[in-house]
Amino acid sequence: MYVPTGTIPGFAGVYQGGEGFRRFLSWLWEEFDEPHIEVHEIIEAGNQVLVALTNRGRGKQSGADVSWHVWQVGTVRDGKVVRAQGFTSRDEAIEAAGLSEQDAHADS
């Protein structure tokens, strides 16, 4: 399950399973040339992982280069992410994971 939580304007709701997540991501390839994702930081916290990343691409219609920074919090079970949620700030992601800033630094 993936919940974008306002990280991308116009996308709301819940995307279930691998197919749902692929459907959510399909907008990236539909709207942008050369889309890619850069991972900046990964914090492991028990059965959760927090990931800082930047989405980048060039608008197919506008030709404008765009990028936006987001945080993802994933719940891992048996080595697979079973739930993930997007956030627009590190503080929101840390709070959603039930961590303190000190915990986040200790596990990174």
C-alpha atoms as a PDB file:
ATOM      1  CA  MET A   1       0.000   0.000   0.000  1.00  0.00           C
ATOM      2  CA  TYR A   2       1.252   3.488  -0.848  1.00  0.00           C
ATOM      3  CA  VAL A   3      -0.210   6.765   0.428  1.00  0.00           C
ATOM      4  CA  PRO A   4       1.241   9.905  -1.245  1.00  0.00           C
ATOM      5  CA  THR A   5      -0.037  12.265   1.516  1.00  0.00           C
ATOM      6  CA  GLY A   6       0.192  15.425  -0.573  1.00  0.00           C
ATOM      7  CA  THR A   7       3.786  14.946  -1.742  1.00  0.00           C
ATOM      8  CA  ILE A   8       2.582  15.380  -5.313  1.00  0.00           C
ATOM      9  CA  PRO A   9      -0.201  17.862  -6.059  1.00  0.00           C
ATOM     10  CA  GLY A  10      -3.312  16.206  -7.443  1.00  0.00           C
ATOM     11  CA  PHE A  11      -2.513  12.742  -6.103  1.00  0.00           C
ATOM     12  CA  ALA A  12      -4.479  11.495  -3.152  1.00  0.00           C
ATOM     13  CA  GLY A  13      -5.914   8.242  -1.969  1.00  0.00           C
ATOM     14  CA  VAL A  14      -4.366   4.860  -1.381  1.00  0.00           C
ATOM     15  CA  TYR A  15      -2.613   2.736  -3.987  1.00  0.00           C
ATOM     16  CA  GLN A  16      -2.868  -0.965  -3.142  1.00  0.00           C
ATOM     17  CA  GLY A  17      -0.248  -3.583  -3.972  1.00  0.00           C
ATOM     18  CA  GLY A  18       2.485  -3.589  -6.567  1.00  0.00           C
ATOM     19  CA  GLU A  19       0.057  -2.827  -9.391  1.00  0.00           C
ATOM     20  CA  GLY A  20      -1.368   0.140  -7.496  1.00  0.00           C
ATOM     21  CA  PHE A  21       2.116   1.523  -6.864  1.00  0.00           C
ATOM     22  CA  ARG A  22       3.028   1.078 -10.552  1.00  0.00           C
ATOM     23  CA  ARG A  23      -0.184   2.942 -11.467  1.00  0.00           C
ATOM     24  CA  PHE A  24       0.788   5.753  -9.099  1.00  0.00           C
ATOM     25  CA  LEU A  25       4.294   5.969 -10.616  1.00  0.00           C
ATOM     26  CA  SER A  26       3.032   5.855 -14.213  1.00  0.00           C
ATOM     27  CA  TRP A  27       2.322   9.608 -14.080  1.00  0.00           C
ATOM     28  CA  LEU A  28       6.081  10.188 -13.807  1.00  0.00           C
ATOM     29  CA  TRP A  29       6.741   8.533 -17.169  1.00  0.00           C
ATOM     30  CA  GLU A  30       3.641  10.052 -18.762  1.00  0.00           C
ATOM     31  CA  GLU A  31       4.436  13.655 -17.766  1.00  0.00           C
ATOM     32  CA  PHE A  32       8.241  13.790 -17.818  1.00  0.00           C
ATOM     33  CA  ASP A  33      11.101  13.005 -20.181  1.00  0.00           C
ATOM     34  CA  GLU A  34      14.088  11.405 -18.487  1.00  0.00           C
ATOM     35  CA  PRO A  35      12.418  10.978 -15.072  1.00  0.00           C
ATOM     36  CA  HIS A  36      14.673   9.761 -12.300  1.00  0.00           C
ATOM     37  CA  ILE A  37      14.871   9.533  -8.548  1.00  0.00           C
ATOM     38  CA  GLU A  38      17.929  10.354  -6.440  1.00  0.00           C
ATOM     39  CA  VAL A  39      18.190   8.828  -2.965  1.00  0.00           C
ATOM     40  CA  HIS A  40      19.954  11.092  -0.443  1.00  0.00           C
ATOM     41  CA  GLU A  41      19.502   9.446   2.940  1.00  0.00           C
ATOM     42  CA  ILE A  42      18.219   6.177   4.355  1.00  0.00           C
ATOM     43  CA  ILE A  43      17.394   5.749   8.037  1.00  0.00           C
ATOM     44  CA  GLU A  44      16.639   2.260   9.330  1.00  0.00           C
ATOM     45  CA  ALA A  45      14.435   2.215  12.415  1.00  0.00           C
ATOM     46  CA  GLY A  46      13.321  -1.251  13.464  1.00  0.00           C
ATOM     47  CA  ASN A  47      10.723  -2.438  10.966  1.00  0.00           C
ATOM     48  CA  GLN A  48      10.603   0.985   9.308  1.00  0.00           C
ATOM     49  CA  VAL A  49      12.828   2.756   6.840  1.00  0.00           C
ATOM     50  CA  LEU A  50      12.846   6.490   6.138  1.00  0.00           C
ATOM     51  CA  VAL A  51      14.160   7.595   2.755  1.00  0.00           C
ATOM     52  CA  ALA A  52      14.959  11.130   1.567  1.00  0.00           C
ATOM     53  CA  LEU A  53      14.785  11.444  -2.199  1.00  0.00           C
ATOM     54  CA  THR A  54      14.493  13.904  -5.023  1.00  0.00           C
ATOM     55  CA  ASN A  55      12.274  13.290  -8.050  1.00  0.00           C
ATOM     56  CA  ARG A  56      13.555  14.918 -11.244  1.00  0.00           C
ATOM     57  CA  GLY A  57      12.405  15.204 -14.836  1.00  0.00           C
ATOM     58  CA  ARG A  58      11.794  17.488 -17.795  1.00  0.00           C
ATOM     59  CA  GLY A  59       8.170  18.305 -18.526  1.00  0.00           C
ATOM     60  CA  LYS A  60       7.098  16.759 -21.848  1.00  0.00           C
ATOM     61  CA  GLN A  61       4.848  19.708 -22.666  1.00  0.00           C
ATOM     62  CA  SER A  62       6.781  22.600 -21.118  1.00  0.00           C
ATOM     63  CA  GLY A  63      10.359  21.406 -21.499  1.00  0.00           C
ATOM     64  CA  ALA A  64      11.001  22.763 -17.992  1.00  0.00           C
ATOM     65  CA  ASP A  65      13.351  20.875 -15.677  1.00  0.00           C
ATOM     66  CA  VAL A  66      11.646  20.151 -12.371  1.00  0.00           C
ATOM     67  CA  SER A  67      12.623  18.549  -9.109  1.00  0.00           C
ATOM     68  CA  TRP A  68      11.032  18.103  -5.725  1.00  0.00           C
ATOM     69  CA  HIS A  69      12.329  16.657  -2.496  1.00  0.00           C
ATOM     70  CA  VAL A  70      10.210  14.185  -0.521  1.00  0.00           C
ATOM     71  CA  TRP A  71      10.503  11.740   2.334  1.00  0.00           C
ATOM     72  CA  GLN A  72       9.090   8.224   2.299  1.00  0.00           C
ATOM     73  CA  VAL A  73       8.391   6.090   5.372  1.00  0.00           C
ATOM     74  CA  GLY A  74       8.109   2.395   4.660  1.00  0.00           C
ATOM     75  CA  THR A  75       7.114  -0.495   6.888  1.00  0.00           C
ATOM     76  CA  VAL A  76       9.170  -3.607   6.157  1.00  0.00           C
ATOM     77  CA  ARG A  77       7.953  -7.137   6.776  1.00  0.00           C
ATOM     78  CA  ASP A  78       9.877 -10.242   5.716  1.00  0.00           C
ATOM     79  CA  GLY A  79      12.296  -8.094   3.722  1.00  0.00           C
ATOM     80  CA  LYS A  80       9.571  -6.362   1.685  1.00  0.00           C
ATOM     81  CA  VAL A  81       7.996  -2.938   2.011  1.00  0.00           C
ATOM     82  CA  VAL A  82       4.340  -3.627   2.814  1.00  0.00           C
ATOM     83  CA  ARG A  83       3.248  -0.031   3.396  1.00  0.00           C
ATOM     84  CA  ALA A  84       4.759   3.308   2.446  1.00  0.00           C
ATOM     85  CA  GLN A  85       3.709   6.890   2.863  1.00  0.00           C
ATOM     86  CA  GLY A  86       5.109  10.100   1.391  1.00  0.00           C
ATOM     87  CA  PHE A  87       5.864  13.289   3.303  1.00  0.00           C
ATOM     88  CA  THR A  88       7.081  16.739   2.342  1.00  0.00           C
ATOM     89  CA  SER A  89       9.506  17.155   5.249  1.00  0.00           C
ATOM     90  CA  ARG A  90      11.954  15.204   7.361  1.00  0.00           C
ATOM     91  CA  ASP A  91      10.139  16.247  10.539  1.00  0.00           C
ATOM     92  CA  GLU A  92       6.826  14.848   9.259  1.00  0.00           C
ATOM     93  CA  ALA A  93       8.487  11.558   8.295  1.00  0.00           C
ATOM     94  CA  ILE A  94      10.239  11.220  11.654  1.00  0.00           C
ATOM     95  CA  GLU A  95       6.994  11.927  13.510  1.00  0.00           C
ATOM     96  CA  ALA A  96       5.039   9.443  11.362  1.00  0.00           C
ATOM     97  CA  ALA A  97       7.641   6.772  12.122  1.00  0.00           C
ATOM     98  CA  GLY A  98       7.246   7.469  15.844  1.00  0.00           C
ATOM     99  CA  LEU A  99      10.870   8.541  16.205  1.00  0.00           C
ATOM    100  CA  SER A 100      12.582  11.477  17.820  1.00  0.00           C
ATOM    101  CA  GLU A 101      15.202  13.513  15.949  1.00  0.00           C
ATOM    102  CA  GLN A 102      17.797  11.885  18.234  1.00  0.00           C
ATOM    103  CA  ASP A 103      16.560   8.398  17.259  1.00  0.00           C
ATOM    104  CA  ALA A 104      16.778   9.317  13.574  1.00  0.00           C
ATOM    105  CA  HIS A 105      20.418  10.388  13.949  1.00  0.00           C
ATOM    106  CA  ALA A 106      21.344   7.335  16.003  1.00  0.00           C
ATOM    107  CA  ASP A 107      20.060   4.905  13.358  1.00  0.00           C
ATOM    108  CA  SER A 108      21.290   6.634  10.209  1.00  0.00           C
END
